Amino acid sequence: MTAHALYVTAAYGITAVVLIGLIGWILLDQRARKRELAELEAGGVRRRSDKAVKS
């Protein structure tokens, strides 16, 4: 394997690892935010967008 091919392979490998890490972090954070919202809604806190429009 030439030095250039090794460099390109390493660059793609590092990029793949970083992207997988970011996607994993986003998914874990999403799960935590959903859990926090569920706890707030269970405690009686409602979203402003859930207010019914009164005529």
C-alpha atoms as a PDB file:
ATOM      1  CA  MET A   1       0.000   0.000   0.000  1.00  0.00           C
ATOM      2  CA  THR A   2       1.437   3.358  -0.968  1.00  0.00           C
ATOM      3  CA  ALA A   3       1.785   6.246   1.453  1.00  0.00           C
ATOM      4  CA  HIS A   4      -0.954   8.139  -0.365  1.00  0.00           C
ATOM      5  CA  ALA A   5      -3.403   5.226  -0.192  1.00  0.00           C
ATOM      6  CA  LEU A   6      -2.624   4.783   3.510  1.00  0.00           C
ATOM      7  CA  TYR A   7      -3.265   8.496   4.112  1.00  0.00           C
ATOM      8  CA  VAL A   8      -6.578   8.426   2.244  1.00  0.00           C
ATOM      9  CA  THR A   9      -7.712   5.249   4.011  1.00  0.00           C
ATOM     10  CA  ALA A  10      -6.816   6.710   7.412  1.00  0.00           C
ATOM     11  CA  ALA A  11      -8.646   9.959   6.610  1.00  0.00           C
ATOM     12  CA  TYR A  12     -11.814   8.098   5.615  1.00  0.00           C
ATOM     13  CA  GLY A  13     -11.546   5.852   8.669  1.00  0.00           C
ATOM     14  CA  ILE A  14     -11.171   8.757  11.078  1.00  0.00           C
ATOM     15  CA  THR A  15     -14.061  10.581   9.405  1.00  0.00           C
ATOM     16  CA  ALA A  16     -16.283   7.500   9.713  1.00  0.00           C
ATOM     17  CA  VAL A  17     -15.443   7.101  13.417  1.00  0.00           C
ATOM     18  CA  VAL A  18     -16.178  10.781  14.118  1.00  0.00           C
ATOM     19  CA  LEU A  19     -19.496  10.680  12.232  1.00  0.00           C
ATOM     20  CA  ILE A  20     -20.597   7.505  14.013  1.00  0.00           C
ATOM     21  CA  GLY A  21     -19.677   9.111  17.341  1.00  0.00           C
ATOM     22  CA  LEU A  22     -21.673  12.252  16.554  1.00  0.00           C
ATOM     23  CA  ILE A  23     -24.709  10.259  15.455  1.00  0.00           C
ATOM     24  CA  GLY A  24     -24.526   8.184  18.632  1.00  0.00           C
ATOM     25  CA  TRP A  25     -24.231  11.294  20.777  1.00  0.00           C
ATOM     26  CA  ILE A  26     -27.242  12.890  19.059  1.00  0.00           C
ATOM     27  CA  LEU A  27     -29.357   9.761  19.554  1.00  0.00           C
ATOM     28  CA  LEU A  28     -28.436   9.507  23.245  1.00  0.00           C
ATOM     29  CA  ASP A  29     -29.172  13.197  23.764  1.00  0.00           C
ATOM     30  CA  GLN A  30     -32.514  12.854  21.977  1.00  0.00           C
ATOM     31  CA  ARG A  31     -33.470   9.995  24.279  1.00  0.00           C
ATOM     32  CA  ALA A  32     -32.549  12.081  27.340  1.00  0.00           C
ATOM     33  CA  ARG A  33     -34.555  15.104  26.131  1.00  0.00           C
ATOM     34  CA  LYS A  34     -37.616  12.920  25.433  1.00  0.00           C
ATOM     35  CA  ARG A  35     -37.337  11.448  28.922  1.00  0.00           C
ATOM     36  CA  GLU A  36     -37.129  14.959  30.437  1.00  0.00           C
ATOM     37  CA  LEU A  37     -40.183  16.088  28.459  1.00  0.00           C
ATOM     38  CA  ALA A  38     -42.143  13.037  29.602  1.00  0.00           C
ATOM     39  CA  GLU A  39     -41.239  13.787  33.238  1.00  0.00           C
ATOM     40  CA  LEU A  40     -42.318  17.418  32.875  1.00  0.00           C
ATOM     41  CA  GLU A  41     -45.599  16.477  31.193  1.00  0.00           C
ATOM     42  CA  ALA A  42     -46.263  13.852  33.892  1.00  0.00           C
ATOM     43  CA  GLY A  43     -45.720  16.593  36.482  1.00  0.00           C
ATOM     44  CA  GLY A  44     -48.400  18.766  34.906  1.00  0.00           C
ATOM     45  CA  VAL A  45     -46.214  21.080  32.867  1.00  0.00           C
ATOM     46  CA  ARG A  46     -47.688  21.505  29.408  1.00  0.00           C
ATOM     47  CA  ARG A  47     -46.288  22.889  26.188  1.00  0.00           C
ATOM     48  CA  ARG A  48     -47.476  26.287  25.001  1.00  0.00           C
ATOM     49  CA  SER A  49     -48.320  24.729  21.645  1.00  0.00           C
ATOM     50  CA  ASP A  50     -50.800  22.359  23.376  1.00  0.00           C
ATOM     51  CA  LYS A  51     -53.098  25.213  24.432  1.00  0.00           C
ATOM     52  CA  ALA A  52     -56.538  24.926  22.903  1.00  0.00           C
ATOM     53  CA  VAL A  53     -57.754  27.899  20.937  1.00  0.00           C
ATOM     54  CA  LYS A  54     -60.936  29.229  22.547  1.00  0.00           C
ATOM     55  CA  SER A  55     -63.496  30.823  20.250  1.00  0.00           C
END
